Protein backbone atom coordinates (compact mmCIF):
# COMPACT_ATOMS: atom_id res chain seq x y z
CA MET A 1 84.86 84.35 73.62
CA ASP A 2 87.18 83.17 70.89
CA TYR A 3 88.25 86.75 70.19
CA ILE A 4 89.22 87.32 73.83
CA GLY A 5 91.14 84.03 73.89
CA ASN A 6 93.05 84.97 70.76
CA CYS A 7 93.87 88.40 72.17
CA LEU A 8 95.17 86.85 75.40
CA PHE A 9 97.19 84.29 73.45
CA ASP A 10 98.74 87.01 71.27
CA ALA A 11 99.53 89.13 74.32
CA ALA A 12 101.22 86.17 76.02
CA GLU A 13 103.26 85.45 72.91
CA ASN A 14 104.38 89.08 72.68
CA LEU A 15 105.26 89.18 76.36
CA GLY A 16 107.25 85.95 76.07
CA ALA A 17 109.14 87.22 73.04
CA TRP A 18 109.94 90.47 74.85
CA TRP A 19 111.01 88.61 78.01
CA HIS A 20 113.33 86.25 76.14
CA GLY A 21 114.82 89.24 74.34
CA LEU A 22 116.09 90.64 77.65
CA SER A 23 119.50 89.75 78.98
CA GLU A 24 119.76 87.20 81.79
CA ARG A 25 120.91 89.88 84.22
CA THR A 26 117.92 92.09 83.41
CA GLN A 27 115.57 89.14 83.89
CA THR A 28 117.16 88.41 87.28
CA VAL A 29 116.81 92.02 88.44
CA ALA A 30 113.20 92.14 87.27
CA CYS A 31 112.42 88.93 89.20
CA VAL A 32 114.07 90.24 92.36
CA VAL A 33 112.15 93.52 92.14
CA LEU A 34 108.89 91.63 91.58
CA MET A 35 109.50 89.32 94.55
CA VAL A 36 110.39 92.18 96.91
CA THR A 37 107.30 94.07 95.76
CA LEU A 38 105.06 91.04 96.33
CA ILE A 39 106.54 90.50 99.80
CA ALA A 40 105.93 94.17 100.63
CA ILE A 41 102.33 93.93 99.42
CA ALA A 42 101.84 90.76 101.45
CA GLY A 43 103.19 92.58 104.49
CA LEU A 44 100.76 95.44 103.96
CA ILE A 45 97.88 93.01 103.59
CA GLU A 46 98.95 91.18 106.73
CA GLY A 47 99.26 94.48 108.56
CA THR A 48 102.98 94.23 109.33
CA ALA A 49 106.14 95.29 107.59
CA PRO A 50 107.87 92.49 105.67
CA SER A 51 110.24 91.23 108.35
CA GLY A 52 110.75 87.67 107.21
CA MET A 53 108.94 86.36 110.27
CA TYR A 54 105.88 84.70 108.81
CA TYR A 55 104.12 81.92 110.57
């Protein structure tokens, strides 16, 4: 289990270093794309297109 934990920790460190190496604009665009994708997936799961009308 310790090996898996170390691998996950190393992967998180590498991802964080890569993320902080990106420009602020690139980080913003990546976040917007991720959010739109998650909303679209949520709409597919719900069975409707993402319309902004969630209740």
